[in-house]
C-alpha atoms as a PDB file:
ATOM      1  CA  UNK A   1     -32.589-180.553   9.883  1.00  0.00           C
ATOM      2  CA  UNK A   2     -34.224-182.035   6.909  1.00  0.00           C
ATOM      3  CA  UNK A   3     -34.997-185.731   6.943  1.00  0.00           C
ATOM      4  CA  UNK A   4     -32.897-188.153   5.126  1.00  0.00           C
ATOM      5  CA  UNK A   5     -34.483-191.304   3.267  1.00  0.00           C
ATOM      6  CA  UNK A   6     -33.042-194.601   4.359  1.00  0.00           C
ATOM      7  CA  UNK A   7     -34.069-197.937   2.983  1.00  0.00           C
ATOM      8  CA  UNK A   8     -33.198-201.517   3.722  1.00  0.00           C
ATOM      9  CA  UNK A   9     -33.865-204.578   1.471  1.00  0.00           C
ATOM     10  CA  UNK A  10     -34.225-208.177   3.054  1.00  0.00           C
ATOM     11  CA  UNK A  11     -33.995-210.987   0.503  1.00  0.00           C
ATOM     12  CA  UNK A  12     -34.567-214.619   1.043  1.00  0.00           C
ATOM     13  CA  UNK A  13     -34.123-217.594  -1.292  1.00  0.00           C
ATOM     14  CA  UNK A  14     -35.840-220.268   0.741  1.00  0.00           C
ATOM     15  CA  UNK A  15     -36.117-223.567  -1.250  1.00  0.00           C
ATOM     16  CA  UNK A  16     -39.632-224.351   0.001  1.00  0.00           C
ATOM     17  CA  UNK A  17     -41.454-220.982  -0.369  1.00  0.00           C
ATOM     18  CA  UNK A  18     -39.314-219.562  -3.169  1.00  0.00           C
ATOM     19  CA  UNK A  19     -37.749-216.195  -3.329  1.00  0.00           C
ATOM     20  CA  UNK A  20     -39.018-213.345  -1.269  1.00  0.00           C
ATOM     21  CA  UNK A  21     -38.073-209.690  -1.057  1.00  0.00           C
ATOM     22  CA  UNK A  22     -39.106-207.086   1.563  1.00  0.00           C
ATOM     23  CA  UNK A  23     -38.145-203.396   1.275  1.00  0.00           C
ATOM     24  CA  UNK A  24     -38.521-200.996   4.048  1.00  0.00           C
ATOM     25  CA  UNK A  25     -38.207-197.094   3.482  1.00  0.00           C
ATOM     26  CA  UNK A  26     -38.238-194.447   6.155  1.00  0.00           C
ATOM     27  CA  UNK A  27     -37.626-190.708   6.557  1.00  0.00           C
ATOM     28  CA  UNK A  28     -35.103-190.387   9.376  1.00  0.00           C
ATOM     29  CA  UNK A  29     -34.937-187.174  11.319  1.00  0.00           C
ATOM     30  CA  UNK A  30     -32.300-186.714  13.891  1.00  0.00           C
ATOM     31  CA  UNK A  31     -33.687-185.693  17.283  1.00  0.00           C
ATOM     32  CA  UNK A  32     -32.423-182.194  18.130  1.00  0.00           C
ATOM     33  CA  UNK A  33     -31.275-183.325  21.654  1.00  0.00           C
ATOM     34  CA  UNK A  34     -28.769-185.702  19.951  1.00  0.00           C
ATOM     35  CA  UNK A  35     -27.093-182.934  18.115  1.00  0.00           C
ATOM     36  CA  UNK A  36     -24.840-181.712  20.905  1.00  0.00           C
ATOM     37  CA  UNK A  37     -22.637-178.525  20.694  1.00  0.00           C
ATOM     38  CA  UNK A  38     -20.317-180.192  23.241  1.00  0.00           C
ATOM     39  CA  UNK A  39     -17.883-182.860  22.383  1.00  0.00           C
ATOM     40  CA  UNK A  40     -15.839-184.939  24.926  1.00  0.00           C
ATOM     41  CA  UNK A  41     -13.170-187.547  24.840  1.00  0.00           C
ATOM     42  CA  UNK A  42     -12.413-189.957  26.113  1.00  0.00           C
ATOM     43  CA  UNK A  43     -16.062-191.437  26.420  1.00  0.00           C
ATOM     44  CA  UNK A  44     -15.099-193.513  29.329  1.00  0.00           C
ATOM     45  CA  UNK A  45     -12.167-194.058  31.856  1.00  0.00           C
ATOM     46  CA  UNK A  46     -10.327-196.996  32.692  1.00  0.00           C
ATOM     47  CA  UNK A  47      -7.826-196.990  35.586  1.00  0.00           C
ATOM     48  CA  UNK A  48      -5.098-199.595  35.932  1.00  0.00           C
ATOM     49  CA  UNK A  49      -2.736-199.825  38.741  1.00  0.00           C
ATOM     50  CA  UNK A  50       0.752-198.740  38.234  1.00  0.00           C
ATOM     51  CA  UNK A  51       2.060-200.089  41.579  1.00  0.00           C
ATOM     52  CA  UNK A  52       0.137-201.697  44.348  1.00  0.00           C
ATOM     53  CA  UNK A  53      -2.614-199.100  45.350  1.00  0.00           C
ATOM     54  CA  UNK A  54      -1.108-196.481  42.857  1.00  0.00           C
ATOM     55  CA  UNK A  55      -3.322-194.954  40.097  1.00  0.00           C
ATOM     56  CA  UNK A  56      -2.649-191.993  37.956  1.00  0.00           C
ATOM     57  CA  UNK A  57      -5.184-189.045  37.371  1.00  0.00           C
ATOM     58  CA  UNK A  58      -6.974-189.050  34.240  1.00  0.00           C
ATOM     59  CA  UNK A  59      -8.846-186.332  32.469  1.00  0.00           C
ATOM     60  CA  UNK A  60     -12.107-185.993  30.099  1.00  0.00           C
ATOM     61  CA  UNK A  61     -11.919-182.867  27.783  1.00  0.00           C
ATOM     62  CA  UNK A  62     -15.109-181.109  27.065  1.00  0.00           C
ATOM     63  CA  UNK A  63     -15.026-178.888  23.964  1.00  0.00           C
ATOM     64  CA  UNK A  64     -17.816-176.256  22.987  1.00  0.00           C
ATOM     65  CA  UNK A  65     -18.401-176.540  19.317  1.00  0.00           C
ATOM     66  CA  UNK A  66     -21.254-174.101  19.401  1.00  0.00           C
ATOM     67  CA  UNK A  67     -21.727-170.282  19.695  1.00  0.00           C
ATOM     68  CA  UNK A  68     -23.443-170.204  23.263  1.00  0.00           C
ATOM     69  CA  UNK A  69     -21.790-170.920  26.528  1.00  0.00           C
ATOM     70  CA  UNK A  70     -22.594-173.773  28.764  1.00  0.00           C
ATOM     71  CA  UNK A  71     -22.508-174.307  32.632  1.00  0.00           C
ATOM     72  CA  UNK A  72     -21.139-177.801  33.671  1.00  0.00           C
ATOM     73  CA  UNK A  73     -21.472-179.226  37.153  1.00  0.00           C
ATOM     74  CA  UNK A  74     -20.521-182.536  38.568  1.00  0.00           C
ATOM     75  CA  UNK A  75     -23.750-183.789  40.071  1.00  0.00           C
ATOM     76  CA  UNK A  76     -23.093-187.502  40.829  1.00  0.00           C
ATOM     77  CA  UNK A  77     -20.026-189.754  41.500  1.00  0.00           C
ATOM     78  CA  UNK A  78     -19.210-192.313  44.110  1.00  0.00           C
ATOM     79  CA  UNK A  79     -16.992-190.247  46.366  1.00  0.00           C
ATOM     80  CA  UNK A  80     -15.739-193.254  48.233  1.00  0.00           C
ATOM     81  CA  UNK A  81     -14.000-194.533  44.912  1.00  0.00           C
ATOM     82  CA  UNK A  82     -13.230-191.255  43.084  1.00  0.00           C
ATOM     83  CA  UNK A  83     -12.343-187.524  43.314  1.00  0.00           C
ATOM     84  CA  UNK A  84     -13.834-185.612  40.367  1.00  0.00           C
ATOM     85  CA  UNK A  85     -13.323-181.901  39.661  1.00  0.00           C
ATOM     86  CA  UNK A  86     -13.854-179.642  36.703  1.00  0.00           C
ATOM     87  CA  UNK A  87     -11.066-176.961  35.760  1.00  0.00           C
ATOM     88  CA  UNK A  88     -13.747-174.542  35.253  1.00  0.00           C
ATOM     89  CA  UNK A  89     -17.696-174.546  35.396  1.00  0.00           C
ATOM     90  CA  UNK A  90     -18.370-172.338  32.467  1.00  0.00           C
ATOM     91  CA  UNK A  91     -17.564-173.791  28.982  1.00  0.00           C
ATOM     92  CA  UNK A  92     -17.265-170.853  26.504  1.00  0.00           C
ATOM     93  CA  UNK A  93     -17.681-170.990  22.650  1.00  0.00           C
ATOM     94  CA  UNK A  94     -14.614-172.697  20.974  1.00  0.00           C
ATOM     95  CA  UNK A  95     -13.004-173.388  24.471  1.00  0.00           C
ATOM     96  CA  UNK A  96     -12.214-176.656  26.435  1.00  0.00           C
ATOM     97  CA  UNK A  97     -12.757-177.491  30.047  1.00  0.00           C
ATOM     98  CA  UNK A  98     -11.122-180.610  31.829  1.00  0.00           C
ATOM     99  CA  UNK A  99     -12.817-183.192  34.193  1.00  0.00           C
ATOM    100  CA  UNK A 100      -9.886-184.421  36.425  1.00  0.00           C
ATOM    101  CA  UNK A 101     -10.675-187.893  37.953  1.00  0.00           C
ATOM    102  CA  UNK A 102      -8.535-189.611  40.435  1.00  0.00           C
ATOM    103  CA  UNK A 103      -9.196-192.681  42.270  1.00  0.00           C
ATOM    104  CA  UNK A 104      -9.152-192.485  46.157  1.00  0.00           C
ATOM    105  CA  UNK A 105      -6.032-194.185  47.759  1.00  0.00           C
ATOM    106  CA  UNK A 106      -7.854-197.222  49.191  1.00  0.00           C
ATOM    107  CA  UNK A 107      -9.709-198.815  46.376  1.00  0.00           C
ATOM    108  CA  UNK A 108     -11.095-202.388  46.973  1.00  0.00           C
ATOM    109  CA  UNK A 109      -9.380-205.164  45.243  1.00  0.00           C
ATOM    110  CA  UNK A 110     -10.910-206.410  42.030  1.00  0.00           C
ATOM    111  CA  UNK A 111     -13.021-204.451  39.319  1.00  0.00           C
ATOM    112  CA  UNK A 112     -15.017-201.487  40.259  1.00  0.00           C
ATOM    113  CA  UNK A 113     -17.502-200.124  37.688  1.00  0.00           C
ATOM    114  CA  UNK A 114     -19.117-196.838  38.369  1.00  0.00           C
ATOM    115  CA  UNK A 115     -19.940-193.700  36.629  1.00  0.00           C
ATOM    116  CA  UNK A 116     -19.747-189.873  36.887  1.00  0.00           C
ATOM    117  CA  UNK A 117     -22.793-187.818  35.692  1.00  0.00           C
ATOM    118  CA  UNK A 118     -22.559-183.972  34.709  1.00  0.00           C
ATOM    119  CA  UNK A 119     -25.381-181.672  34.490  1.00  0.00           C
ATOM    120  CA  UNK A 120     -25.133-179.326  31.409  1.00  0.00           C
ATOM    121  CA  UNK A 121     -27.033-176.047  31.411  1.00  0.00           C
ATOM    122  CA  UNK A 122     -27.332-173.716  28.452  1.00  0.00           C
ATOM    123  CA  UNK A 123     -29.687-173.317  25.537  1.00  0.00           C
ATOM    124  CA  UNK A 124     -30.786-176.872  26.533  1.00  0.00           C
ATOM    125  CA  UNK A 125     -30.306-178.861  29.589  1.00  0.00           C
ATOM    126  CA  UNK A 126     -29.077-182.290  29.453  1.00  0.00           C
ATOM    127  CA  UNK A 127     -26.715-184.808  31.422  1.00  0.00           C
ATOM    128  CA  UNK A 128     -23.603-186.604  30.375  1.00  0.00           C
ATOM    129  CA  UNK A 129     -22.686-189.935  32.051  1.00  0.00           C
ATOM    130  CA  UNK A 130     -19.013-191.240  31.895  1.00  0.00           C
ATOM    131  CA  UNK A 131     -18.492-194.948  32.795  1.00  0.00           C
ATOM    132  CA  UNK A 132     -15.423-195.328  35.133  1.00  0.00           C
ATOM    133  CA  UNK A 133     -13.695-198.682  35.660  1.00  0.00           C
ATOM    134  CA  UNK A 134     -10.793-199.453  38.024  1.00  0.00           C
ATOM    135  CA  UNK A 135      -8.871-202.723  38.228  1.00  0.00           C
ATOM    136  CA  UNK A 136      -6.811-203.102  41.492  1.00  0.00           C
ATOM    137  CA  UNK A 137      -5.379-205.862  43.665  1.00  0.00           C
END
């Protein structure tokens, strides 16, 4: 990836010290680890009660935009709050895998903010963390 030149100009028209101008220019190169071949949506989950104590299952879809396969594994989530399960552990090129998330039946009242973390193995190894929020009564 070739660097891209970015610049910013800051101007001031201070009545005491007069007009000042500062220009900053830098070559910006994206880090290779930020250029993922996996896209996913939604980036976070927010559960709202349908009826007292009733929540619907939600899904996160992971899509492989690259040419190599990835292995996905749910490595951390609060088991006393959620169930999290992948439809498949292998994400093939140009294919999609779903992460199904369902709150447990006995969630505490109020707002719960937690997260689900997945390990992704392939050409590079990285983790994806998905924030999860529930609001119950």
